[in-house]
Protein backbone atom coordinates (compact mmCIF):
# COMPACT_ATOMS: atom_id res chain seq x y z
CA UNK A 1 123.68 57.68 61.55
CA UNK A 2 123.89 61.04 62.47
CA UNK A 3 125.64 61.31 64.77
CA UNK A 4 127.50 58.50 63.00
CA UNK A 5 127.71 61.95 60.22
CA UNK A 6 128.59 63.97 62.93
CA UNK A 7 131.91 62.03 64.11
CA UNK A 8 133.46 61.52 60.91
CA UNK A 9 133.44 65.70 60.63
CA UNK A 10 134.35 65.96 64.18
CA UNK A 11 137.04 63.95 62.82
CA UNK A 12 138.02 65.38 59.94
CA UNK A 13 138.17 68.78 61.42
CA UNK A 14 139.95 68.05 64.37
CA UNK A 15 142.65 65.60 62.18
CA UNK A 16 143.36 69.18 60.18
CA UNK A 17 143.38 72.29 62.61
CA UNK A 18 145.48 69.39 64.45
CA UNK A 19 148.06 68.94 61.30
CA UNK A 20 148.59 72.45 60.96
CA UNK A 21 149.18 73.40 64.14
CA UNK A 22 152.08 71.14 63.92
CA UNK A 23 153.28 72.28 60.53
CA UNK A 24 152.98 75.78 62.69
CA UNK A 25 156.39 73.78 64.91
CA UNK A 26 158.32 73.68 61.88
CA UNK A 27 157.22 77.07 61.23
CA UNK A 28 158.99 78.93 64.24
CA UNK A 29 161.69 77.65 63.32
CA UNK A 30 163.84 81.12 62.43
CA UNK A 31 165.42 80.78 59.26
CA UNK A 32 168.68 79.24 59.18
CA UNK A 33 168.16 77.20 62.26
CA UNK A 34 167.17 74.11 60.74
CA UNK A 35 167.83 71.57 62.76
CA UNK A 36 170.27 68.41 59.85
CA UNK A 37 169.99 65.04 60.45
CA UNK A 38 173.52 62.69 60.27
CA UNK A 39 174.45 61.13 57.17
CA UNK A 40 177.85 60.48 57.90
CA UNK A 41 178.66 57.11 56.13
CA UNK A 42 181.06 54.88 57.99
CA UNK A 43 184.84 55.41 57.08
CA UNK A 44 186.38 52.65 55.73
CA UNK A 45 190.18 52.26 56.53
CA UNK A 46 192.13 52.11 52.58
CA UNK A 47 195.79 52.65 51.62
CA UNK A 48 193.99 55.57 49.41
CA UNK A 49 192.64 57.20 53.02
CA UNK A 50 196.40 56.35 55.30
CA UNK A 51 197.87 58.36 51.86
CA UNK A 52 195.51 61.14 52.17
CA UNK A 53 196.13 61.56 55.25
CA UNK A 54 199.53 61.59 56.03
CA UNK A 55 200.32 63.70 52.45
CA UNK A 56 197.36 66.23 54.36
CA UNK A 57 200.67 65.68 58.02
CA UNK A 58 203.79 66.48 55.77
CA UNK A 59 202.41 70.03 53.79
CA UNK A 60 201.49 71.12 57.32
CA UNK A 61 205.31 70.10 58.76
CA UNK A 62 206.24 71.76 55.73
CA UNK A 63 203.91 75.07 56.16
CA UNK A 64 205.26 75.37 59.57
CA UNK A 65 208.34 75.12 58.48
CA UNK A 66 207.82 78.38 56.68
CA UNK A 67 209.34 75.54 53.06
CA UNK A 68 206.10 77.00 50.89
CA UNK A 69 207.66 76.29 47.78
CA UNK A 70 207.47 72.44 48.79
CA UNK A 71 204.46 72.73 50.44
CA UNK A 72 203.03 73.94 46.44
CA UNK A 73 204.01 70.69 45.89
CA UNK A 74 202.48 69.17 48.68
CA UNK A 75 199.03 70.82 47.97
CA UNK A 76 198.79 68.34 44.52
CA UNK A 77 199.49 65.43 45.97
CA UNK A 78 196.51 66.29 49.14
CA UNK A 79 194.12 66.83 45.71
CA UNK A 80 195.15 63.58 44.12
CA UNK A 81 194.44 60.79 46.50
CA UNK A 82 191.61 63.00 47.62
CA UNK A 83 189.78 62.63 43.75
CA UNK A 84 191.00 58.83 44.32
CA UNK A 85 187.57 56.38 44.95
CA UNK A 86 187.92 55.21 48.38
CA UNK A 87 188.38 58.41 49.91
CA UNK A 88 185.27 60.41 47.79
CA UNK A 89 182.96 56.50 48.56
CA UNK A 90 183.96 57.01 53.07
CA UNK A 91 182.26 60.40 53.34
CA UNK A 92 179.06 62.27 53.04
CA UNK A 93 178.74 64.98 50.59
CA UNK A 94 178.42 67.92 52.97
CA UNK A 95 181.99 66.43 53.93
CA UNK A 96 183.41 66.34 50.49
CA UNK A 97 181.82 69.78 49.98
CA UNK A 98 183.69 70.79 53.03
CA UNK A 99 187.18 68.95 52.64
CA UNK A 100 187.67 69.82 49.18
CA UNK A 101 187.02 73.46 50.73
CA UNK A 102 189.31 73.13 53.46
CA UNK A 103 192.18 72.04 50.09
CA UNK A 104 191.11 74.47 48.61
CA UNK A 105 192.53 77.08 51.09
CA UNK A 106 195.63 75.35 51.39
CA UNK A 107 196.22 75.77 47.92
CA UNK A 108 195.27 79.52 47.59
CA UNK A 109 197.07 80.49 50.83
CA UNK A 110 200.40 78.85 49.42
CA UNK A 111 199.45 80.41 45.88
CA UNK A 112 199.24 84.14 47.28
CA UNK A 113 202.05 86.70 47.25
CA UNK A 114 199.40 88.82 50.27
CA UNK A 115 198.85 85.33 52.59
CA UNK A 116 200.27 85.60 55.66
CA UNK A 117 202.32 82.34 57.55
CA UNK A 118 199.47 82.72 60.53
CA UNK A 119 196.82 82.36 57.62
CA UNK A 120 199.27 79.36 55.93
CA UNK A 121 199.11 77.97 59.36
CA UNK A 122 195.45 77.96 59.66
CA UNK A 123 195.07 76.52 56.67
CA UNK A 124 197.29 73.13 56.42
CA UNK A 125 196.35 73.36 60.83
CA UNK A 126 192.42 72.93 59.17
CA UNK A 127 193.33 70.24 56.40
CA UNK A 128 195.26 68.30 57.89
CA UNK A 129 192.43 67.63 61.61
CA UNK A 130 190.27 66.37 58.44
CA UNK A 131 192.21 64.35 56.63
CA UNK A 132 193.25 62.96 60.61
CA UNK A 133 189.18 62.87 61.16
CA UNK A 134 188.90 60.25 58.57
CA UNK A 135 191.80 57.75 58.53
CA UNK A 136 191.50 57.80 63.31
CA UNK A 137 187.77 58.35 63.29
CA UNK A 138 187.95 56.52 66.92
CA UNK A 139 190.69 59.23 68.66
CA UNK A 140 190.26 62.01 65.86
CA UNK A 141 192.84 65.43 66.53
CA UNK A 142 190.08 67.65 66.17
CA UNK A 143 188.84 66.53 70.09
CA UNK A 144 191.44 67.98 71.37
CA UNK A 145 189.82 71.23 70.40
CA UNK A 146 186.92 70.67 73.20
CA UNK A 147 189.20 72.82 75.69
CA UNK A 148 190.16 75.67 73.75
CA UNK A 149 186.89 76.52 72.41
CA UNK A 150 185.67 76.21 75.72
CA UNK A 151 187.69 77.68 77.44
CA UNK A 152 186.56 80.41 74.28
CA UNK A 153 183.61 80.92 76.12
CA UNK A 154 184.39 81.56 79.07
CA UNK A 155 186.13 84.96 78.11
CA UNK A 156 182.99 85.65 76.00
CA UNK A 157 180.69 85.21 79.18
CA UNK A 158 183.80 87.23 81.09
CA UNK A 159 184.49 90.14 79.22
CA UNK A 160 179.97 90.21 79.01
CA UNK A 161 179.90 90.54 83.08
CA UNK A 162 182.59 93.48 82.70
CA UNK A 163 180.29 95.50 80.64
CA UNK A 164 183.72 95.56 77.58
CA UNK A 165 182.08 95.03 74.26
CA UNK A 166 184.54 94.99 71.74
CA UNK A 167 186.73 92.83 74.51
CA UNK A 168 183.79 90.46 74.02
CA UNK A 169 183.58 90.98 69.73
CA UNK A 170 187.52 89.79 69.52
CA UNK A 171 186.18 87.05 71.48
CA UNK A 172 183.39 85.88 69.85
CA UNK A 173 185.60 85.90 66.16
CA UNK A 174 188.35 84.25 68.05
CA UNK A 175 185.68 81.98 69.30
CA UNK A 176 185.02 81.92 65.49
CA UNK A 177 188.41 81.08 63.90
CA UNK A 178 189.78 78.23 66.35
CA UNK A 179 185.26 76.75 65.63
CA UNK A 180 186.70 77.24 61.14
CA UNK A 181 189.49 74.77 62.64
CA UNK A 182 187.60 71.45 63.31
CA UNK A 183 184.70 72.56 61.08
CA UNK A 184 185.41 70.34 58.30
CA UNK A 185 186.52 68.06 61.01
CA UNK A 186 184.14 67.79 62.79
CA UNK A 187 181.06 66.92 59.39
CA UNK A 188 184.16 63.95 58.55
CA UNK A 189 183.14 63.08 62.04
CA UNK A 190 179.24 62.47 61.38
CA UNK A 191 178.73 65.97 63.30
CA UNK A 192 176.61 66.85 60.97
CA UNK A 193 173.87 68.80 62.69
CA UNK A 194 175.94 69.09 65.49
CA UNK A 195 177.40 71.57 62.28
CA UNK A 196 174.25 73.29 61.71
CA UNK A 197 173.70 73.80 65.26
CA UNK A 198 176.78 75.28 66.35
CA UNK A 199 177.54 77.08 62.83
CA UNK A 200 173.93 79.36 64.07
CA UNK A 201 175.05 79.53 67.52
CA UNK A 202 178.45 81.65 66.61
CA UNK A 203 176.41 83.13 63.39
CA UNK A 204 174.33 85.01 66.30
CA UNK A 205 176.82 85.14 68.71
CA UNK A 206 178.89 87.22 66.76
CA UNK A 207 175.79 89.73 65.36
CA UNK A 208 174.93 90.37 69.18
CA UNK A 209 178.07 91.69 69.62
CA UNK A 210 178.49 93.76 66.97
CA UNK A 211 175.66 95.91 67.10
CA UNK A 212 174.86 99.07 68.32
CA UNK A 213 172.86 98.62 71.28
CA UNK A 214 173.59 95.83 74.24
CA UNK A 215 170.75 93.45 74.14
CA UNK A 216 171.86 92.52 77.78
CA UNK A 217 169.58 89.88 78.00
CA UNK A 218 169.22 87.99 74.22
CA UNK A 219 173.65 88.05 74.84
CA UNK A 220 173.01 86.25 78.82
CA UNK A 221 171.09 83.64 77.13
CA UNK A 222 172.73 83.34 73.73
CA UNK A 223 175.67 82.19 77.00
CA UNK A 224 173.85 79.68 78.42
CA UNK A 225 173.12 78.50 75.21
CA UNK A 226 177.54 78.17 73.97
CA UNK A 227 178.04 75.40 76.46
CA UNK A 228 175.45 73.18 75.57
CA UNK A 229 176.87 73.70 72.23
CA UNK A 230 179.98 72.28 72.12
CA UNK A 231 179.01 69.86 74.40
CA UNK A 232 176.85 68.02 71.92
CA UNK A 233 179.54 69.26 68.50
CA UNK A 234 181.73 67.04 70.64
CA UNK A 235 179.83 64.66 71.91
CA UNK A 236 180.38 64.97 75.48
CA UNK A 237 176.84 65.19 76.92
CA UNK A 238 173.89 63.69 75.60
CA UNK A 239 171.57 65.56 77.52
CA UNK A 240 168.22 66.36 76.00
CA UNK A 241 169.61 70.06 76.36
CA UNK A 242 172.38 69.51 75.01
CA UNK A 243 171.31 67.89 71.45
CA UNK A 244 168.47 70.97 71.33
CA UNK A 245 168.52 73.29 68.46
CA UNK A 246 168.91 76.72 69.51
CA UNK A 247 166.32 78.47 69.38
CA UNK A 248 165.33 82.46 70.87
CA UNK A 249 162.73 82.78 73.72
CA UNK A 250 160.17 84.00 72.12
CA UNK A 251 160.48 81.45 69.28
CA UNK A 252 160.01 78.80 71.99
CA UNK A 253 156.66 80.18 74.15
CA UNK A 254 155.25 79.83 70.52
CA UNK A 255 156.28 76.24 70.23
CA UNK A 256 155.30 75.16 73.51
CA UNK A 257 151.96 77.49 72.49
CA UNK A 258 151.58 75.39 69.85
CA UNK A 259 152.23 72.11 71.68
CA UNK A 260 149.77 73.55 74.47
CA UNK A 261 147.18 73.25 71.61
CA UNK A 262 147.53 70.25 70.03
CA UNK A 263 147.28 68.83 74.11
CA UNK A 264 143.98 70.00 74.25
CA UNK A 265 142.37 69.20 70.88
CA UNK A 266 144.30 65.31 71.79
CA UNK A 267 142.68 66.01 75.31
CA UNK A 268 138.91 66.81 73.28
CA UNK A 269 138.96 63.94 71.33
CA UNK A 270 139.77 61.83 73.78
CA UNK A 271 136.88 62.83 75.92
CA UNK A 272 133.87 63.30 72.76
CA UNK A 273 135.48 59.27 72.25
CA UNK A 274 134.17 58.22 75.62
CA UNK A 275 130.74 59.90 75.20
CA UNK A 276 129.79 58.74 71.89
CA UNK A 277 131.12 55.45 73.56
CA UNK A 278 128.52 56.06 76.76
CA UNK A 279 125.91 57.15 74.29
CA UNK A 280 126.01 54.77 72.68
CA UNK A 281 125.64 52.55 75.09
């Protein structure tokens, strides 16, 4: 009875400690670096989706031709098809929010007298890639941006190696601009967790580039995550490194310590069980 009571007490203590250490793993992850699971829904190739994609293609063509008056009418047609039930049913909550935001950006760009042609084209291109991702999930156009973004990352490495932080900051802005063009399409394609990671990585890199004092080790560590981040986003690599969330090195060390503590506790508990079994015999 005494040993049974002691065993139960020990088990409760060990269980409490293990639970606390597991929770610590989540606390160690910095705010804003949360890993979201994909919540994409199966794409249904319906008439409404095809009409939406066709309307976005016409809109993009009119914007490229500089026919803004026609483009304004095109936006209304895109909005009409977007509001249909079949289109909404084929999208996740995140994708609905992102696509409605893309439509609003085009509408604002074409109606603003201060917007530049570049802004019109960027907004229309983002929308065009988004609807294409919905209509053609197997071969979406946004995948063609893989090489562009990889070259942007290479450019950041080059500017950093030269010690040109102004060039580094400018390159980070270009990278963000290119990424924003495909972000909605990636969400529609079901890349929710990868988009969360990429958002975090780009924000972190931009913050490093904007700092007055250069933190070379932090920049070097961030740049090492560039290619794996985009490989994961575009589905080019499926190794653990590419899919792991971006966590600064200090948090990695805290997580490793917590994991090591858990392993030690488990081994201690297993040893105690073996000792009790031998003692009872």
